[in-house]
Amino acid sequence: MKPPVKIKAAEVPLVVVALPFAYREGVDEYNGVMRHLRESGEEWDLRIIRHSFGAELFNEFPLERVSGVVCGINTRPGIAGYEPYFDESALELLISRKIPVVGIDLPVDFRRHARRGARCAFVSIDSGPIGRVAAQYLANAGTYESFGFVGAFADRAWSRDRGAFFARELRRLGRRNVYIFQGVYRRGGEALLAWLKGLPKPAAVFASNDNCADGIMRMCSMGGVRVPDDLAVLGVDDDPIFCIHTHPSLSSIHPNFEAEGHLAAQTLSALMKGRRVRSHQFAGGTPTVTVRMSTAPCSPSGRLVRRADEIIAERACAGLNADVIAGLLGISRRLLDLRYRQITGRSVRESIEATRMAQVRKLLSGTRLSHREIARSCGYRSESYMEHVFVKRFGCSMRDYRSSGET
């Protein structure tokens, strides 16, 4: 009798994930990658890269074992506020070895590789909704004499496009005094400060990201421009590193970076299986505005929303609902919902749920409280309902989230 034939198990694909983990976007993108793995049932041997991404990186492990790469470390060296960067040598090496790679928000000039037929694709956040939400928020937040956009990087499509959509939407809304300043890091601080001072006041400025917005507020502080009295400032990324600890605290748009990471992982999976994909794809999802002090003083509607957000932050986990907030503000529930969605792009209920879920995740990863205790602590009367909301929002059970050790 012949011995049974042993079937060799397929090797688990080794996938390199290089993302800007020092920032909120990198963590959210990574959570999107992990959601794809949970939903698809695929298993990847992940190698996480937190530092600069160049060809020399692949000296650390055999290149022939690498099945695919997701890379979002995209900032050039020497730019203040960013340490990691993407070196084109890494992309050239991967393409020469026919290793599938998906780039997240890489500079425009890298995309030529996809047009050459290489096994690579690029994923970006759609700039249209971000620019439009910024314009709608600032147009309703106060009575401004002028509006401005400051682009952090003139060579980045997302930076230019956010400004273009912002200006287009403002003009559609009947706001005519719209000014654009591109390339803050290229043209220097003095030029930017002069531009900010020259805007008809009071003015509202939309910055292409939070790092840029933080720089604007520093310039204003040095140059005697008062934020928010003379100049309201709105950023993008909703990154606590910049938003919470600035003075005043920074209002910011929160893009759906998690959806971007999820799309990148889906695209890489298709490339690794030999399937054809579009060379450049845009992640969907509706961006929302987190209102803080950098856009105050504002219109009555804006002040109403800011007060509602303060109540949500203080009481979301104490059984709060929209009716209670409306009562505390002395207005009808219908008016509260209308004004809140008009300013932030989401409902009061969605904001309460998001605040509660953030606390649920914090307790899951940082304590040993039971699910019942977490439900009680976070304002949920039903443990089963809390778990239903968690699965719908994050794509995994609370038990799996806790066991994975995600943050």
Protein backbone atom coordinates (compact mmCIF):
# COMPACT_ATOMS: atom_id res chain seq x y z
CA MET A 1 0.00 0.00 0.00
CA LYS A 2 1.31 3.40 -1.00
CA PRO A 3 1.73 5.94 1.80
CA PRO A 4 -0.82 8.79 1.76
CA VAL A 5 0.24 11.83 -0.20
CA LYS A 6 0.96 14.80 2.04
CA ILE A 7 -0.58 18.02 0.84
CA LYS A 8 1.64 21.00 1.53
CA ALA A 9 -0.27 23.87 3.12
CA ALA A 10 -0.17 27.08 1.16
CA GLU A 11 2.08 29.69 2.65
CA VAL A 12 0.36 32.62 4.30
CA PRO A 13 1.06 35.70 2.14
CA LEU A 14 3.57 38.12 3.66
CA VAL A 15 2.16 41.63 3.30
CA VAL A 16 4.09 44.78 4.19
CA VAL A 17 1.93 47.58 5.65
CA ALA A 18 3.71 50.94 5.82
CA LEU A 19 1.41 53.65 7.21
CA PRO A 20 1.84 56.92 9.16
CA PHE A 21 0.91 55.40 12.52
CA ALA A 22 1.95 58.55 14.38
CA TYR A 23 -1.19 60.20 13.01
CA ARG A 24 -4.88 59.39 13.23
CA GLU A 25 -5.13 58.66 9.52
CA GLY A 26 -2.57 55.86 9.71
CA VAL A 27 -4.31 54.15 12.63
CA ASP A 28 -7.71 54.44 10.92
CA GLU A 29 -6.30 53.11 7.63
CA TYR A 30 -4.79 50.15 9.46
CA ASN A 31 -8.16 49.43 11.09
CA GLY A 32 -9.63 49.40 7.58
CA VAL A 33 -7.04 46.83 6.45
CA MET A 34 -7.90 44.65 9.45
CA ARG A 35 -11.63 44.97 8.72
CA HIS A 36 -11.03 43.63 5.24
CA LEU A 37 -9.23 40.60 6.67
CA ARG A 38 -12.05 39.93 9.13
CA GLU A 39 -14.75 40.26 6.49
CA SER A 40 -12.94 38.29 3.78
CA GLY A 41 -11.55 35.55 6.00
CA GLU A 42 -8.15 36.00 4.36
CA GLU A 43 -4.99 35.48 6.40
CA TRP A 44 -1.95 37.69 5.86
CA ASP A 45 1.38 37.65 7.64
CA LEU A 46 1.60 41.40 8.29
CA ARG A 47 4.90 43.27 8.62
CA ILE A 48 4.16 46.71 10.06
CA ILE A 49 6.47 49.58 9.03
CA ARG A 50 6.40 52.73 11.14
CA HIS A 51 9.44 54.54 9.73
CA SER A 52 10.82 55.70 6.39
CA PHE A 53 10.03 53.39 3.50
CA GLY A 54 12.85 52.85 0.99
CA ALA A 55 14.42 50.00 -0.97
CA GLU A 56 16.87 49.29 1.88
CA LEU A 57 13.90 48.19 3.98
CA PHE A 58 13.75 44.92 2.08
CA ASN A 59 17.20 43.92 3.30
CA GLU A 60 15.49 43.00 6.56
CA PHE A 61 13.61 40.01 5.12
CA PRO A 62 13.63 38.01 1.84
CA LEU A 63 12.03 40.02 -0.95
CA GLU A 64 10.92 36.81 -2.68
CA ARG A 65 8.58 36.14 0.24
CA VAL A 66 6.75 39.47 -0.06
CA SER A 67 3.33 38.93 -1.64
CA GLY A 68 2.11 42.51 -1.54
CA VAL A 69 2.55 45.99 -0.06
CA VAL A 70 0.18 48.68 1.24
CA CYS A 71 2.06 51.95 1.66
CA GLY A 72 0.85 55.30 2.89
CA ILE A 73 4.05 56.80 4.28
CA ASN A 74 4.12 59.58 1.78
CA THR A 75 5.88 62.69 3.03
CA ARG A 76 9.21 63.84 1.73
CA PRO A 77 12.06 64.19 4.23
CA GLY A 78 12.80 67.63 5.59
CA ILE A 79 9.21 68.86 5.90
CA ALA A 80 8.49 70.08 9.42
CA GLY A 81 6.08 67.93 11.37
CA TYR A 82 6.70 64.69 9.47
CA GLU A 83 9.50 62.19 9.92
CA PRO A 84 8.47 59.18 7.79
CA TYR A 85 8.66 59.42 4.02
CA PHE A 86 8.20 57.31 0.92
CA ASP A 87 11.28 56.80 -1.23
CA GLU A 88 10.57 56.09 -4.90
CA SER A 89 13.36 53.49 -4.85
CA ALA A 90 11.01 51.18 -2.93
CA LEU A 91 8.30 51.47 -5.58
CA GLU A 92 10.79 50.91 -8.41
CA LEU A 93 12.13 47.81 -6.67
CA LEU A 94 8.66 46.35 -6.08
CA ILE A 95 7.61 46.99 -9.68
CA SER A 96 10.79 45.43 -11.08
CA ARG A 97 10.08 42.29 -9.04
CA LYS A 98 6.40 42.30 -10.08
CA ILE A 99 5.22 42.54 -6.46
CA PRO A 100 1.69 43.99 -6.12
CA VAL A 101 1.59 47.34 -4.33
CA VAL A 102 -1.22 49.73 -3.38
CA GLY A 103 -0.28 53.31 -2.50
CA ILE A 104 -2.50 55.46 -0.28
CA ASP A 105 -2.44 59.21 -0.98
CA LEU A 106 0.99 59.16 -2.59
CA PRO A 107 2.19 62.19 -4.59
CA VAL A 108 0.82 62.54 -8.11
CA ASP A 109 4.12 61.72 -9.83
CA PHE A 110 4.12 58.18 -8.41
CA ARG A 111 0.93 57.32 -10.30
CA ARG A 112 2.71 57.11 -13.63
CA HIS A 113 3.81 53.62 -12.62
CA ALA A 114 0.21 52.38 -12.77
CA ARG A 115 -0.14 53.76 -16.28
CA ARG A 116 2.93 51.74 -17.31
CA GLY A 117 0.98 48.55 -16.64
CA ALA A 118 2.72 47.61 -13.38
CA ARG A 119 0.93 45.60 -10.74
CA CYS A 120 0.17 48.65 -8.64
CA ALA A 121 -2.76 50.90 -7.89
CA PHE A 122 -3.45 54.03 -5.91
CA VAL A 123 -6.21 54.81 -3.42
CA SER A 124 -7.22 58.28 -2.21
CA ILE A 125 -9.88 59.96 -0.13
CA ASP A 126 -12.33 61.72 -2.44
CA SER A 127 -11.53 65.43 -2.14
CA GLY A 128 -14.93 66.55 -3.45
CA PRO A 129 -17.01 65.82 -0.32
CA ILE A 130 -14.29 67.28 1.95
CA GLY A 131 -14.13 70.59 0.07
CA ARG A 132 -17.91 70.85 -0.16
CA VAL A 133 -18.48 70.06 3.53
CA ALA A 134 -15.84 72.66 4.49
CA ALA A 135 -17.57 75.30 2.36
CA GLN A 136 -21.04 74.48 3.66
CA TYR A 137 -19.88 74.51 7.27
CA LEU A 138 -18.03 77.85 7.09
CA ALA A 139 -20.78 79.46 5.01
CA ASN A 140 -23.28 78.65 7.78
CA ALA A 141 -20.95 79.10 10.77
CA GLY A 142 -20.68 82.89 10.71
CA THR A 143 -20.96 86.13 8.77
CA TYR A 144 -17.56 86.40 7.09
CA GLU A 145 -16.29 89.07 4.72
CA SER A 146 -13.98 86.62 2.95
CA PHE A 147 -12.99 82.97 2.73
CA GLY A 148 -9.57 81.48 2.11
CA PHE A 149 -7.96 78.13 1.40
CA VAL A 150 -4.37 77.27 2.31
CA GLY A 151 -2.86 74.21 0.61
CA ALA A 152 -0.05 72.45 2.45
CA PHE A 153 1.54 70.88 -0.63
CA ALA A 154 1.19 72.31 -4.12
CA ASP A 155 2.40 68.99 -5.63
CA ARG A 156 -0.33 66.90 -4.00
CA ALA A 157 -3.57 66.38 -5.90
CA TRP A 158 -5.59 66.05 -2.71
CA SER A 159 -4.33 69.43 -1.49
CA ARG A 160 -5.13 71.24 -4.73
CA ASP A 161 -8.47 69.47 -5.21
CA ARG A 162 -9.74 70.26 -1.71
CA GLY A 163 -9.18 73.93 -2.44
CA ALA A 164 -10.84 73.75 -5.84
CA PHE A 165 -13.99 72.03 -4.54
CA PHE A 166 -14.08 74.41 -1.56
CA ALA A 167 -14.00 77.49 -3.78
CA ARG A 168 -16.50 76.04 -6.25
CA GLU A 169 -19.02 75.22 -3.52
CA LEU A 170 -18.67 78.64 -1.89
CA ARG A 171 -19.38 80.31 -5.22
CA ARG A 172 -22.41 78.07 -5.68
CA LEU A 173 -23.61 79.26 -2.28
CA GLY A 174 -23.22 82.89 -3.38
CA ARG A 175 -19.96 83.67 -1.54
CA ARG A 176 -17.70 85.62 -3.87
CA ASN A 177 -14.66 86.72 -1.84
CA VAL A 178 -12.71 83.47 -2.06
CA TYR A 179 -8.88 83.44 -2.04
CA ILE A 180 -6.39 80.59 -2.54
CA PHE A 181 -2.85 80.20 -1.15
CA GLN A 182 -1.07 77.02 -2.32
CA GLY A 183 2.23 75.61 -1.09
CA VAL A 184 2.64 77.03 2.43
CA TYR A 185 5.90 75.15 2.95
CA ARG A 186 7.33 76.22 -0.37
CA ARG A 187 6.73 79.95 -0.14
CA GLY A 188 7.65 80.55 3.51
CA GLY A 189 5.97 81.96 6.55
CA GLU A 190 6.25 85.66 5.76
CA ALA A 191 4.32 85.32 2.51
CA LEU A 192 1.59 83.32 4.22
CA LEU A 193 1.28 85.76 7.13
CA ALA A 194 1.02 88.70 4.73
CA TRP A 195 -1.68 86.84 2.81
CA LEU A 196 -3.63 86.06 6.01
CA LYS A 197 -3.42 89.68 7.16
CA GLY A 198 -4.65 90.85 3.77
CA LEU A 199 -7.90 88.87 3.86
CA PRO A 200 -10.95 91.11 4.45
CA LYS A 201 -12.00 90.54 8.08
CA PRO A 202 -13.64 88.72 9.65
CA ALA A 203 -12.41 85.85 7.49
CA ALA A 204 -12.69 82.06 7.52
CA VAL A 205 -9.80 79.89 6.31
CA PHE A 206 -9.93 76.23 5.35
CA ALA A 207 -6.56 74.45 5.60
CA SER A 208 -5.85 71.31 3.57
CA ASN A 209 -4.92 69.35 6.71
CA ASP A 210 -4.57 69.79 10.48
CA ASN A 211 -0.80 70.21 10.33
CA CYS A 212 -1.28 73.13 7.96
CA ALA A 213 -4.07 74.58 10.15
CA ASP A 214 -1.80 74.38 13.19
CA GLY A 215 0.86 76.30 11.26
CA ILE A 216 -1.69 78.96 10.30
CA MET A 217 -2.71 79.50 13.92
CA ARG A 218 0.94 79.78 14.98
CA MET A 219 1.49 82.40 12.27
CA CYS A 220 -1.57 84.29 13.44
CA SER A 221 -0.35 84.24 17.03
CA MET A 222 3.03 85.68 16.01
CA GLY A 223 1.51 88.23 13.64
CA GLY A 224 -1.25 89.62 15.87
CA VAL A 225 -4.15 88.05 13.95
CA ARG A 226 -6.75 86.87 16.49
CA VAL A 227 -8.22 83.37 16.12
CA PRO A 228 -11.18 83.11 15.98
CA ASP A 229 -12.17 86.79 16.32
CA ASP A 230 -10.39 87.98 13.15
CA LEU A 231 -9.87 84.63 11.46
CA ALA A 232 -11.74 81.33 11.84
CA VAL A 233 -9.63 78.24 11.02
CA LEU A 234 -10.85 74.80 9.90
CA GLY A 235 -8.56 71.81 9.31
CA VAL A 236 -8.87 68.27 7.98
CA ASP A 237 -8.03 64.91 9.63
CA ASP A 238 -9.50 65.60 13.11
CA ASP A 239 -6.19 64.48 14.58
CA PRO A 240 -6.08 64.93 18.39
CA ILE A 241 -2.35 65.69 18.24
CA PHE A 242 -3.19 68.99 16.57
CA CYS A 243 -6.87 69.61 17.34
CA ILE A 244 -7.10 69.17 21.10
CA HIS A 245 -3.84 70.77 22.18
CA THR A 246 -3.84 73.87 19.99
CA HIS A 247 -4.95 77.18 21.42
CA PRO A 248 -7.74 77.67 20.65
CA SER A 249 -8.76 74.06 19.95
CA LEU A 250 -9.02 73.33 16.24
CA SER A 251 -12.27 72.58 14.40
CA SER A 252 -11.61 69.88 11.84
CA ILE A 253 -13.18 67.66 9.21
CA HIS A 254 -12.96 63.93 9.88
CA PRO A 255 -12.53 62.00 6.58
CA ASN A 256 -13.34 58.30 6.42
CA PHE A 257 -9.75 57.03 6.53
CA GLU A 258 -10.95 53.64 7.69
CA ALA A 259 -12.82 53.20 4.40
CA GLU A 260 -9.63 54.20 2.56
CA GLY A 261 -7.62 51.47 4.29
CA HIS A 262 -10.38 48.95 3.64
CA LEU A 263 -10.42 49.78 -0.08
CA ALA A 264 -6.60 49.57 -0.23
CA ALA A 265 -6.67 46.08 1.29
CA GLN A 266 -9.44 44.95 -1.08
CA THR A 267 -7.47 46.27 -4.04
CA LEU A 268 -4.25 44.59 -2.93
CA SER A 269 -6.08 41.30 -2.44
CA ALA A 270 -7.34 41.48 -6.02
CA LEU A 271 -3.85 42.28 -7.36
CA MET A 272 -2.30 39.38 -5.45
CA LYS A 273 -4.89 37.06 -7.03
CA GLY A 274 -3.94 38.27 -10.51
CA ARG A 275 -7.07 40.30 -11.11
CA ARG A 276 -7.20 43.61 -12.96
CA VAL A 277 -8.12 46.72 -10.98
CA ARG A 278 -8.56 50.38 -11.74
CA SER A 279 -5.26 52.20 -11.41
CA HIS A 280 -6.69 54.98 -9.20
CA GLN A 281 -9.67 54.57 -6.89
CA PHE A 282 -11.41 56.91 -4.48
CA ALA A 283 -12.70 55.86 -1.07
CA GLY A 284 -16.23 57.01 -0.32
CA GLY A 285 -17.86 57.92 2.96
CA THR A 286 -19.32 61.19 4.17
CA PRO A 287 -16.87 63.44 6.05
CA THR A 288 -18.10 65.11 9.23
CA VAL A 289 -17.10 68.28 11.08
CA THR A 290 -15.91 68.25 14.69
CA VAL A 291 -16.65 71.76 15.93
CA ARG A 292 -14.16 73.32 18.35
CA MET A 293 -13.16 76.85 19.36
CA SER A 294 -11.16 77.88 16.27
CA THR A 295 -14.39 78.61 14.38
CA ALA A 296 -16.02 80.66 17.14
CA PRO A 297 -17.53 83.22 17.47
CA CYS A 298 -19.98 82.07 14.87
CA SER A 299 -23.57 82.35 13.80
CA PRO A 300 -26.41 81.50 16.21
CA SER A 301 -26.62 78.09 14.50
CA GLY A 302 -22.91 77.51 14.98
CA ARG A 303 -23.05 78.47 18.66
CA LEU A 304 -26.01 76.12 19.09
CA VAL A 305 -24.10 73.22 17.57
CA ARG A 306 -20.99 73.94 19.62
CA ARG A 307 -23.04 73.90 22.83
CA ALA A 308 -24.71 70.65 21.73
CA ASP A 309 -21.28 69.10 21.15
CA GLU A 310 -20.17 70.19 24.62
CA ILE A 311 -23.23 68.51 26.14
CA ILE A 312 -22.59 65.34 24.11
CA ALA A 313 -18.96 65.22 25.24
CA GLU A 314 -20.01 65.61 28.88
CA ARG A 315 -23.11 63.41 29.02
CA ALA A 316 -23.21 60.98 26.06
CA CYS A 317 -22.54 58.01 28.35
CA ALA A 318 -25.20 59.04 30.87
CA GLY A 319 -28.30 58.05 28.91
CA LEU A 320 -28.34 61.24 26.82
CA ASN A 321 -30.59 61.61 23.78
CA ALA A 322 -31.49 64.38 21.33
CA ASP A 323 -34.69 65.30 23.20
CA VAL A 324 -32.70 65.95 26.38
CA ILE A 325 -30.18 68.13 24.49
CA ALA A 326 -33.01 70.11 22.85
CA GLY A 327 -34.56 70.68 26.27
CA LEU A 328 -31.28 71.89 27.74
CA LEU A 329 -30.85 74.29 24.82
CA GLY A 330 -34.43 75.51 24.99
CA ILE A 331 -35.33 74.64 21.40
CA SER A 332 -37.40 72.01 19.63
CA ARG A 333 -35.93 68.62 18.72
CA ARG A 334 -36.72 69.29 15.06
CA LEU A 335 -34.80 72.59 15.02
CA LEU A 336 -31.85 71.01 16.81
CA ASP A 337 -31.67 68.17 14.28
CA LEU A 338 -31.95 70.60 11.37
CA ARG A 339 -29.23 72.99 12.55
CA TYR A 340 -26.92 70.21 13.73
CA ARG A 341 -26.99 68.36 10.41
CA GLN A 342 -26.65 71.63 8.50
CA ILE A 343 -23.42 72.48 10.33
CA THR A 344 -21.78 69.07 10.93
CA GLY A 345 -23.18 66.84 8.19
CA ARG A 346 -24.50 64.25 10.64
CA SER A 347 -27.38 63.86 13.09
CA VAL A 348 -27.31 64.47 16.84
CA ARG A 349 -27.99 60.78 17.38
CA GLU A 350 -25.00 59.83 15.22
CA SER A 351 -22.73 62.09 17.28
CA ILE A 352 -23.98 60.61 20.55
CA GLU A 353 -23.45 57.10 19.17
CA ALA A 354 -19.94 57.91 17.95
CA THR A 355 -18.97 59.31 21.36
CA ARG A 356 -20.35 56.26 23.15
CA MET A 357 -18.63 53.85 20.78
CA ALA A 358 -15.31 55.61 21.29
CA GLN A 359 -15.69 55.02 25.03
CA VAL A 360 -16.71 51.39 24.45
CA ARG A 361 -13.53 50.78 22.46
CA LYS A 362 -11.47 52.52 25.13
CA LEU A 363 -12.91 50.30 27.87
CA LEU A 364 -12.54 47.14 25.78
CA SER A 365 -8.84 47.76 25.13
CA GLY A 366 -7.91 49.33 28.46
CA THR A 367 -9.95 47.48 31.10
CA ARG A 368 -11.25 44.03 32.00
CA LEU A 369 -14.84 45.18 32.52
CA SER A 370 -17.50 42.75 31.34
CA HIS A 371 -19.68 43.66 28.36
CA ARG A 372 -22.59 44.24 30.74
CA GLU A 373 -20.53 46.63 32.84
CA ILE A 374 -19.34 48.47 29.71
CA ALA A 375 -22.92 48.81 28.48
CA ARG A 376 -23.98 50.32 31.80
CA SER A 377 -20.95 52.63 31.86
CA CYS A 378 -21.53 53.89 28.31
CA GLY A 379 -25.24 54.63 28.58
CA TYR A 380 -26.68 51.51 26.92
CA ARG A 381 -29.68 49.88 28.57
CA SER A 382 -29.21 46.72 26.52
CA GLU A 383 -25.94 44.82 26.21
CA SER A 384 -27.20 43.11 23.04
CA TYR A 385 -28.05 46.44 21.39
CA MET A 386 -24.61 47.83 22.23
CA GLU A 387 -22.98 44.77 20.63
CA HIS A 388 -25.23 45.13 17.56
CA VAL A 389 -24.15 48.77 17.13
CA PHE A 390 -20.49 47.83 17.64
CA VAL A 391 -20.53 45.11 14.96
CA LYS A 392 -22.34 47.37 12.49
CA ARG A 393 -19.88 50.20 13.09
CA PHE A 394 -16.55 48.35 13.26
CA GLY A 395 -17.16 45.09 11.39
CA CYS A 396 -16.21 42.76 14.24
CA SER A 397 -17.60 41.56 17.55
CA MET A 398 -16.60 43.18 20.82
CA ARG A 399 -15.03 39.91 21.89
CA ASP A 400 -12.88 39.72 18.75
CA TYR A 401 -11.90 43.38 19.10
CA ARG A 402 -10.75 42.88 22.67
CA SER A 403 -8.82 39.71 21.86
CA SER A 404 -7.09 41.37 18.87
CA GLY A 405 -5.68 44.07 21.12
CA GLU A 406 -6.53 46.85 18.60
CA THR A 407 -6.44 50.46 19.72
